[in-house]
Amino acid sequence: MTGDTTKVNRLLKTARGQIDGILKMIEEDRYCIEVSNQIMACQAILSKVNREVLNAHINHCVLNATGDERQEKLDEIAKVLDNLV
């Protein structure tokens, strides 16, 4: 992967820490809304990571592709966007 791997690593480690915290909350039988809020916070971090990865793909893989490969890369992005929407 090209792009800001330091930022991606930091965000993923944060998400991992949040997931560990959520697991602990479940074990402690914490209030459901508190658990849900932590799950949503983790999802937000993973969305940020996904944006970073996709931006890196667009700025490197797509822009540097030529000919038929470029269309293939654009088709891949279109499929990902379909999944996001």
PDB file of N, CA and C in Angstrom:
ATOM      1  N   MET A   1       0.836  -1.175   0.000  1.00  0.00           N
ATOM      2  CA  MET A   1       0.000   0.000   0.000  1.00  0.00           C
ATOM      3  C   MET A   1       0.876   1.231   0.000  1.00  0.00           C
ATOM      4  N   THR A   2       0.505   2.169  -0.824  1.00  0.00           N
ATOM      5  CA  THR A   2       1.179   3.456  -0.790  1.00  0.00           C
ATOM      6  C   THR A   2       0.326   4.410   0.036  1.00  0.00           C
ATOM      7  N   GLY A   3       0.849   5.548   0.332  1.00  0.00           N
ATOM      8  CA  GLY A   3       0.101   6.511   1.123  1.00  0.00           C
ATOM      9  C   GLY A   3       0.688   6.614   2.520  1.00  0.00           C
ATOM     10  N   ASP A   4      -0.079   7.208   3.392  1.00  0.00           N
ATOM     11  CA  ASP A   4       0.378   7.471   4.757  1.00  0.00           C
ATOM     12  C   ASP A   4       0.178   6.233   5.633  1.00  0.00           C
ATOM     13  N   THR A   5       1.115   5.296   5.514  1.00  0.00           N
ATOM     14  CA  THR A   5       0.988   4.046   6.271  1.00  0.00           C
ATOM     15  C   THR A   5       1.108   4.283   7.778  1.00  0.00           C
ATOM     16  N   THR A   6       1.823   5.309   8.179  1.00  0.00           N
ATOM     17  CA  THR A   6       1.938   5.620   9.602  1.00  0.00           C
ATOM     18  C   THR A   6       0.569   5.977  10.165  1.00  0.00           C
ATOM     19  N   LYS A   7      -0.167   6.808   9.435  1.00  0.00           N
ATOM     20  CA  LYS A   7      -1.501   7.210   9.871  1.00  0.00           C
ATOM     21  C   LYS A   7      -2.446   6.014   9.886  1.00  0.00           C
ATOM     22  N   VAL A   8      -2.387   5.188   8.852  1.00  0.00           N
ATOM     23  CA  VAL A   8      -3.245   4.003   8.769  1.00  0.00           C
ATOM     24  C   VAL A   8      -2.933   3.055   9.930  1.00  0.00           C
ATOM     25  N   ASN A   9      -1.672   2.808  10.190  1.00  0.00           N
ATOM     26  CA  ASN A   9      -1.283   1.934  11.306  1.00  0.00           C
ATOM     27  C   ASN A   9      -1.785   2.470  12.639  1.00  0.00           C
ATOM     28  N   ARG A  10      -1.635   3.776  12.846  1.00  0.00           N
ATOM     29  CA  ARG A  10      -2.072   4.394  14.104  1.00  0.00           C
ATOM     30  C   ARG A  10      -3.585   4.245  14.270  1.00  0.00           C
ATOM     31  N   LEU A  11      -4.333   4.517  13.217  1.00  0.00           N
ATOM     32  CA  LEU A  11      -5.785   4.402  13.290  1.00  0.00           C
ATOM     33  C   LEU A  11      -6.222   2.959  13.537  1.00  0.00           C
ATOM     34  N   LEU A  12      -5.587   2.012  12.863  1.00  0.00           N
ATOM     35  CA  LEU A  12      -5.947   0.606  13.063  1.00  0.00           C
ATOM     36  C   LEU A  12      -5.619   0.136  14.480  1.00  0.00           C
ATOM     37  N   LYS A  13      -4.516   0.591  15.025  1.00  0.00           N
ATOM     38  CA  LYS A  13      -4.168   0.226  16.399  1.00  0.00           C
ATOM     39  C   LYS A  13      -5.161   0.840  17.384  1.00  0.00           C
ATOM     40  N   THR A  14      -5.618   2.046  17.082  1.00  0.00           N
ATOM     41  CA  THR A  14      -6.643   2.669  17.915  1.00  0.00           C
ATOM     42  C   THR A  14      -7.933   1.866  17.859  1.00  0.00           C
ATOM     43  N   ALA A  15      -8.328   1.459  16.658  1.00  0.00           N
ATOM     44  CA  ALA A  15      -9.544   0.645  16.501  1.00  0.00           C
ATOM     45  C   ALA A  15      -9.402  -0.679  17.251  1.00  0.00           C
ATOM     46  N   ARG A  16      -8.233  -1.286  17.149  1.00  0.00           N
ATOM     47  CA  ARG A  16      -7.993  -2.549  17.863  1.00  0.00           C
ATOM     48  C   ARG A  16      -8.147  -2.339  19.368  1.00  0.00           C
ATOM     49  N   GLY A  17      -7.611  -1.234  19.869  1.00  0.00           N
ATOM     50  CA  GLY A  17      -7.750  -0.920  21.292  1.00  0.00           C
ATOM     51  C   GLY A  17      -9.204  -0.713  21.685  1.00  0.00           C
ATOM     52  N   GLN A  18      -9.956  -0.060  20.799  1.00  0.00           N
ATOM     53  CA  GLN A  18     -11.370   0.133  21.085  1.00  0.00           C
ATOM     54  C   GLN A  18     -12.124  -1.195  21.090  1.00  0.00           C
ATOM     55  N   ILE A  19     -11.796  -2.065  20.167  1.00  0.00           N
ATOM     56  CA  ILE A  19     -12.451  -3.374  20.136  1.00  0.00           C
ATOM     57  C   ILE A  19     -12.141  -4.152  21.412  1.00  0.00           C
ATOM     58  N   ASP A  20     -10.896  -4.099  21.862  1.00  0.00           N
ATOM     59  CA  ASP A  20     -10.550  -4.747  23.133  1.00  0.00           C
ATOM     60  C   ASP A  20     -11.379  -4.158  24.279  1.00  0.00           C
ATOM     61  N   GLY A  21     -11.554  -2.842  24.251  1.00  0.00           N
ATOM     62  CA  GLY A  21     -12.370  -2.187  25.271  1.00  0.00           C
ATOM     63  C   GLY A  21     -13.827  -2.610  25.196  1.00  0.00           C
ATOM     64  N   ILE A  22     -14.342  -2.766  23.992  1.00  0.00           N
ATOM     65  CA  ILE A  22     -15.725  -3.212  23.809  1.00  0.00           C
ATOM     66  C   ILE A  22     -15.894  -4.628  24.344  1.00  0.00           C
ATOM     67  N   LEU A  23     -14.936  -5.499  24.048  1.00  0.00           N
ATOM     68  CA  LEU A  23     -15.000  -6.860  24.572  1.00  0.00           C
ATOM     69  C   LEU A  23     -15.031  -6.860  26.103  1.00  0.00           C
ATOM     70  N   LYS A  24     -14.230  -5.993  26.704  1.00  0.00           N
ATOM     71  CA  LYS A  24     -14.207  -5.894  28.162  1.00  0.00           C
ATOM     72  C   LYS A  24     -15.553  -5.381  28.678  1.00  0.00           C
ATOM     73  N   MET A  25     -16.128  -4.415  27.966  1.00  0.00           N
ATOM     74  CA  MET A  25     -17.434  -3.889  28.356  1.00  0.00           C
ATOM     75  C   MET A  25     -18.495  -4.992  28.327  1.00  0.00           C
ATOM     76  N   ILE A  26     -18.430  -5.844  27.310  1.00  0.00           N
ATOM     77  CA  ILE A  26     -19.380  -6.953  27.202  1.00  0.00           C
ATOM     78  C   ILE A  26     -19.196  -7.905  28.384  1.00  0.00           C
ATOM     79  N   GLU A  27     -17.943  -8.228  28.694  1.00  0.00           N
ATOM     80  CA  GLU A  27     -17.658  -9.125  29.819  1.00  0.00           C
ATOM     81  C   GLU A  27     -18.155  -8.532  31.138  1.00  0.00           C
ATOM     82  N   GLU A  28     -18.088  -7.211  31.250  1.00  0.00           N
ATOM     83  CA  GLU A  28     -18.513  -6.533  32.474  1.00  0.00           C
ATOM     84  C   GLU A  28     -20.017  -6.253  32.485  1.00  0.00           C
ATOM     85  N   ASP A  29     -20.711  -6.680  31.433  1.00  0.00           N
ATOM     86  CA  ASP A  29     -22.156  -6.473  31.313  1.00  0.00           C
ATOM     87  C   ASP A  29     -22.524  -4.997  31.431  1.00  0.00           C
ATOM     88  N   ARG A  30     -21.770  -4.169  30.700  1.00  0.00           N
ATOM     89  CA  ARG A  30     -22.020  -2.722  30.717  1.00  0.00           C
ATOM     90  C   ARG A  30     -23.301  -2.393  29.977  1.00  0.00           C
ATOM     91  N   TYR A  31     -23.798  -1.216  30.217  1.00  0.00           N
ATOM     92  CA  TYR A  31     -25.044  -0.722  29.635  1.00  0.00           C
ATOM     93  C   TYR A  31     -24.962  -0.750  28.101  1.00  0.00           C
ATOM     94  N   CYS A  32     -26.010  -1.274  27.492  1.00  0.00           N
ATOM     95  CA  CYS A  32     -26.020  -1.504  26.039  1.00  0.00           C
ATOM     96  C   CYS A  32     -25.711  -0.245  25.223  1.00  0.00           C
ATOM     97  N   ILE A  33     -26.257   0.874  25.647  1.00  0.00           N
ATOM     98  CA  ILE A  33     -26.037   2.114  24.901  1.00  0.00           C
ATOM     99  C   ILE A  33     -24.571   2.523  24.958  1.00  0.00           C
ATOM    100  N   GLU A  34     -23.921   2.325  26.076  1.00  0.00           N
ATOM    101  CA  GLU A  34     -22.483   2.616  26.175  1.00  0.00           C
ATOM    102  C   GLU A  34     -21.699   1.736  25.212  1.00  0.00           C
ATOM    103  N   VAL A  35     -22.059   0.461  25.145  1.00  0.00           N
ATOM    104  CA  VAL A  35     -21.395  -0.473  24.237  1.00  0.00           C
ATOM    105  C   VAL A  35     -21.628  -0.027  22.791  1.00  0.00           C
ATOM    106  N   SER A  36     -22.869   0.297  22.479  1.00  0.00           N
ATOM    107  CA  SER A  36     -23.205   0.730  21.123  1.00  0.00           C
ATOM    108  C   SER A  36     -22.432   1.979  20.730  1.00  0.00           C
ATOM    109  N   ASN A  37     -22.302   2.926  21.637  1.00  0.00           N
ATOM    110  CA  ASN A  37     -21.544   4.147  21.344  1.00  0.00           C
ATOM    111  C   ASN A  37     -20.084   3.838  21.033  1.00  0.00           C
ATOM    112  N   GLN A  38     -19.514   2.898  21.746  1.00  0.00           N
ATOM    113  CA  GLN A  38     -18.123   2.521  21.488  1.00  0.00           C
ATOM    114  C   GLN A  38     -17.989   1.791  20.153  1.00  0.00           C
ATOM    115  N   ILE A  39     -18.975   0.978  19.816  1.00  0.00           N
ATOM    116  CA  ILE A  39     -18.965   0.303  18.516  1.00  0.00           C
ATOM    117  C   ILE A  39     -19.017   1.340  17.393  1.00  0.00           C
ATOM    118  N   MET A  40     -19.882   2.338  17.529  1.00  0.00           N
ATOM    119  CA  MET A  40     -19.979   3.379  16.500  1.00  0.00           C
ATOM    120  C   MET A  40     -18.692   4.191  16.389  1.00  0.00           C
ATOM    121  N   ALA A  41     -18.035   4.424  17.516  1.00  0.00           N
ATOM    122  CA  ALA A  41     -16.759   5.147  17.487  1.00  0.00           C
ATOM    123  C   ALA A  41     -15.710   4.332  16.733  1.00  0.00           C
ATOM    124  N   CYS A  42     -15.715   3.034  16.943  1.00  0.00           N
ATOM    125  CA  CYS A  42     -14.774   2.157  16.245  1.00  0.00           C
ATOM    126  C   CYS A  42     -15.084   2.136  14.748  1.00  0.00           C
ATOM    127  N   GLN A  43     -16.354   2.076  14.400  1.00  0.00           N
ATOM    128  CA  GLN A  43     -16.744   2.101  12.991  1.00  0.00           C
ATOM    129  C   GLN A  43     -16.282   3.399  12.322  1.00  0.00           C
ATOM    130  N   ALA A  44     -16.353   4.505  13.038  1.00  0.00           N
ATOM    131  CA  ALA A  44     -15.912   5.788  12.481  1.00  0.00           C
ATOM    132  C   ALA A  44     -14.415   5.759  12.181  1.00  0.00           C
ATOM    133  N   ILE A  45     -13.647   5.169  13.073  1.00  0.00           N
ATOM    134  CA  ILE A  45     -12.202   5.062  12.839  1.00  0.00           C
ATOM    135  C   ILE A  45     -11.934   4.177  11.627  1.00  0.00           C
ATOM    136  N   LEU A  46     -12.628   3.050  11.523  1.00  0.00           N
ATOM    137  CA  LEU A  46     -12.428   2.166  10.382  1.00  0.00           C
ATOM    138  C   LEU A  46     -12.837   2.849   9.076  1.00  0.00           C
ATOM    139  N   SER A  47     -13.833   3.700   9.122  1.00  0.00           N
ATOM    140  CA  SER A  47     -14.212   4.472   7.924  1.00  0.00           C
ATOM    141  C   SER A  47     -13.086   5.424   7.520  1.00  0.00           C
ATOM    142  N   LYS A  48     -12.445   6.038   8.499  1.00  0.00           N
ATOM    143  CA  LYS A  48     -11.305   6.913   8.204  1.00  0.00           C
ATOM    144  C   LYS A  48     -10.172   6.127   7.559  1.00  0.00           C
ATOM    145  N   VAL A  49      -9.914   4.949   8.104  1.00  0.00           N
ATOM    146  CA  VAL A  49      -8.859   4.095   7.543  1.00  0.00           C
ATOM    147  C   VAL A  49      -9.194   3.743   6.100  1.00  0.00           C
ATOM    148  N   ASN A  50     -10.429   3.376   5.849  1.00  0.00           N
ATOM    149  CA  ASN A  50     -10.838   3.008   4.498  1.00  0.00           C
ATOM    150  C   ASN A  50     -10.661   4.177   3.540  1.00  0.00           C
ATOM    151  N   ARG A  51     -11.011   5.385   3.982  1.00  0.00           N
ATOM    152  CA  ARG A  51     -10.807   6.572   3.126  1.00  0.00           C
ATOM    153  C   ARG A  51      -9.331   6.764   2.796  1.00  0.00           C
ATOM    154  N   GLU A  52      -8.477   6.589   3.787  1.00  0.00           N
ATOM    155  CA  GLU A  52      -7.031   6.719   3.553  1.00  0.00           C
ATOM    156  C   GLU A  52      -6.545   5.699   2.525  1.00  0.00           C
ATOM    157  N   VAL A  53      -6.987   4.459   2.677  1.00  0.00           N
ATOM    158  CA  VAL A  53      -6.566   3.399   1.761  1.00  0.00           C
ATOM    159  C   VAL A  53      -7.082   3.677   0.351  1.00  0.00           C
ATOM    160  N   LEU A  54      -8.337   4.065   0.248  1.00  0.00           N
ATOM    161  CA  LEU A  54      -8.906   4.354  -1.078  1.00  0.00           C
ATOM    162  C   LEU A  54      -8.255   5.570  -1.721  1.00  0.00           C
ATOM    163  N   ASN A  55      -7.975   6.600  -0.935  1.00  0.00           N
ATOM    164  CA  ASN A  55      -7.268   7.771  -1.482  1.00  0.00           C
ATOM    165  C   ASN A  55      -5.888   7.389  -1.992  1.00  0.00           C
ATOM    166  N   ALA A  56      -5.202   6.547  -1.246  1.00  0.00           N
ATOM    167  CA  ALA A  56      -3.884   6.089  -1.686  1.00  0.00           C
ATOM    168  C   ALA A  56      -4.006   5.307  -2.989  1.00  0.00           C
ATOM    169  N   HIS A  57      -5.033   4.481  -3.088  1.00  0.00           N
ATOM    170  CA  HIS A  57      -5.242   3.698  -4.307  1.00  0.00           C
ATOM    171  C   HIS A  57      -5.508   4.613  -5.502  1.00  0.00           C
ATOM    172  N   ILE A  58      -6.366   5.586  -5.300  1.00  0.00           N
ATOM    173  CA  ILE A  58      -6.690   6.518  -6.393  1.00  0.00           C
ATOM    174  C   ILE A  58      -5.461   7.313  -6.789  1.00  0.00           C
ATOM    175  N   ASN A  59      -4.754   7.852  -5.800  1.00  0.00           N
ATOM    176  CA  ASN A  59      -3.617   8.732  -6.085  1.00  0.00           C
ATOM    177  C   ASN A  59      -2.389   8.006  -6.593  1.00  0.00           C
ATOM    178  N   HIS A  60      -2.326   6.713  -6.389  1.00  0.00           N
ATOM    179  CA  HIS A  60      -1.157   5.975  -6.867  1.00  0.00           C
ATOM    180  C   HIS A  60      -1.546   4.982  -7.965  1.00  0.00           C
ATOM    181  N   CYS A  61      -2.341   4.015  -7.600  1.00  0.00           N
ATOM    182  CA  CYS A  61      -2.650   2.918  -8.532  1.00  0.00           C
ATOM    183  C   CYS A  61      -3.441   3.388  -9.743  1.00  0.00           C
ATOM    184  N   VAL A  62      -4.470   4.187  -9.505  1.00  0.00           N
ATOM    185  CA  VAL A  62      -5.314   4.623 -10.620  1.00  0.00           C
ATOM    186  C   VAL A  62      -4.583   5.643 -11.482  1.00  0.00           C
ATOM    187  N   LEU A  63      -3.979   6.633 -10.851  1.00  0.00           N
ATOM    188  CA  LEU A  63      -3.313   7.686 -11.625  1.00  0.00           C
ATOM    189  C   LEU A  63      -2.113   7.175 -12.406  1.00  0.00           C
ATOM    190  N   ASN A  64      -1.444   6.148 -11.901  1.00  0.00           N
ATOM    191  CA  ASN A  64      -0.271   5.620 -12.584  1.00  0.00           C
ATOM    192  C   ASN A  64      -0.598   4.514 -13.585  1.00  0.00           C
ATOM    193  N   ALA A  65      -1.852   4.076 -13.595  1.00  0.00           N
ATOM    194  CA  ALA A  65      -2.248   3.025 -14.531  1.00  0.00           C
ATOM    195  C   ALA A  65      -2.352   3.587 -15.947  1.00  0.00           C
ATOM    196  N   THR A  66      -2.131   2.725 -16.922  1.00  0.00           N
ATOM    197  CA  THR A  66      -2.230   3.146 -18.314  1.00  0.00           C
ATOM    198  C   THR A  66      -3.125   2.186 -19.086  1.00  0.00           C
ATOM    199  N   GLY A  67      -3.699   2.674 -20.142  1.00  0.00           N
ATOM    200  CA  GLY A  67      -4.480   1.842 -21.054  1.00  0.00           C
ATOM    201  C   GLY A  67      -5.610   1.096 -20.379  1.00  0.00           C
ATOM    202  N   ASP A  68      -5.737  -0.183 -20.708  1.00  0.00           N
ATOM    203  CA  ASP A  68      -6.805  -1.025 -20.168  1.00  0.00           C
ATOM    204  C   ASP A  68      -6.718  -1.160 -18.652  1.00  0.00           C
ATOM    205  N   GLU A  69      -5.493  -1.112 -18.133  1.00  0.00           N
ATOM    206  CA  GLU A  69      -5.308  -1.227 -16.686  1.00  0.00           C
ATOM    207  C   GLU A  69      -6.006  -0.078 -15.956  1.00  0.00           C
ATOM    208  N   ARG A  70      -5.982   1.120 -16.538  1.00  0.00           N
ATOM    209  CA  ARG A  70      -6.630   2.273 -15.915  1.00  0.00           C
ATOM    210  C   ARG A  70      -8.131   2.025 -15.793  1.00  0.00           C
ATOM    211  N   GLN A  71      -8.747   1.527 -16.841  1.00  0.00           N
ATOM    212  CA  GLN A  71     -10.188   1.250 -16.789  1.00  0.00           C
ATOM    213  C   GLN A  71     -10.490   0.174 -15.759  1.00  0.00           C
ATOM    214  N   GLU A  72      -9.624  -0.818 -15.674  1.00  0.00           N
ATOM    215  CA  GLU A  72      -9.793  -1.872 -14.668  1.00  0.00           C
ATOM    216  C   GLU A  72      -9.770  -1.278 -13.262  1.00  0.00           C
ATOM    217  N   LYS A  73      -8.841  -0.368 -13.009  1.00  0.00           N
ATOM    218  CA  LYS A  73      -8.728   0.273 -11.699  1.00  0.00           C
ATOM    219  C   LYS A  73      -9.955   1.133 -11.412  1.00  0.00           C
ATOM    220  N   LEU A  74     -10.444   1.835 -12.414  1.00  0.00           N
ATOM    221  CA  LEU A  74     -11.643   2.649 -12.236  1.00  0.00           C
ATOM    222  C   LEU A  74     -12.860   1.770 -11.946  1.00  0.00           C
ATOM    223  N   ASP A  75     -12.942   0.630 -12.613  1.00  0.00           N
ATOM    224  CA  ASP A  75     -14.034  -0.310 -12.355  1.00  0.00           C
ATOM    225  C   ASP A  75     -13.984  -0.835 -10.928  1.00  0.00           C
ATOM    226  N   GLU A  76     -12.773  -1.089 -10.428  1.00  0.00           N
ATOM    227  CA  GLU A  76     -12.611  -1.542  -9.049  1.00  0.00           C
ATOM    228  C   GLU A  76     -13.135  -0.496  -8.068  1.00  0.00           C
ATOM    229  N   ILE A  77     -12.782   0.757  -8.321  1.00  0.00           N
ATOM    230  CA  ILE A  77     -13.246   1.842  -7.450  1.00  0.00           C
ATOM    231  C   ILE A  77     -14.766   1.945  -7.501  1.00  0.00           C
ATOM    232  N   ALA A  78     -15.338   1.796  -8.682  1.00  0.00           N
ATOM    233  CA  ALA A  78     -16.794   1.851  -8.818  1.00  0.00           C
ATOM    234  C   ALA A  78     -17.460   0.756  -7.991  1.00  0.00           C
ATOM    235  N   LYS A  79     -16.891  -0.442  -7.980  1.00  0.00           N
ATOM    236  CA  LYS A  79     -17.452  -1.549  -7.186  1.00  0.00           C
ATOM    237  C   LYS A  79     -17.374  -1.239  -5.693  1.00  0.00           C
ATOM    238  N   VAL A  80     -16.251  -0.680  -5.275  1.00  0.00           N
ATOM    239  CA  VAL A  80     -16.102  -0.319  -3.867  1.00  0.00           C
ATOM    240  C   VAL A  80     -17.134   0.736  -3.483  1.00  0.00           C
ATOM    241  N   LEU A  81     -17.300   1.738  -4.346  1.00  0.00           N
ATOM    242  CA  LEU A  81     -18.288   2.790  -4.055  1.00  0.00           C
ATOM    243  C   LEU A  81     -19.699   2.220  -3.997  1.00  0.00           C
ATOM    244  N   ASP A  82     -20.002   1.253  -4.836  1.00  0.00           N
ATOM    245  CA  ASP A  82     -21.309   0.589  -4.793  1.00  0.00           C
ATOM    246  C   ASP A  82     -21.524  -0.074  -3.434  1.00  0.00           C
ATOM    247  N   ASN A  83     -20.479  -0.675  -2.900  1.00  0.00           N
ATOM    248  CA  ASN A  83     -20.581  -1.330  -1.590  1.00  0.00           C
ATOM    249  C   ASN A  83     -20.743  -0.319  -0.458  1.00  0.00           C
ATOM    250  N   LEU A  84     -20.156   0.861  -0.624  1.00  0.00           N
ATOM    251  CA  LEU A  84     -20.228   1.885   0.422  1.00  0.00           C
ATOM    252  C   LEU A  84     -21.594   2.563   0.473  1.00  0.00           C
ATOM    253  N   VAL A  85     -22.245   2.621  -0.673  1.00  0.00           N
ATOM    254  CA  VAL A  85     -23.501   3.382  -0.743  1.00  0.00           C
ATOM    255  C   VAL A  85     -24.685   2.528  -0.422  1.00  0.00           C
TER     256      VAL A  85
END
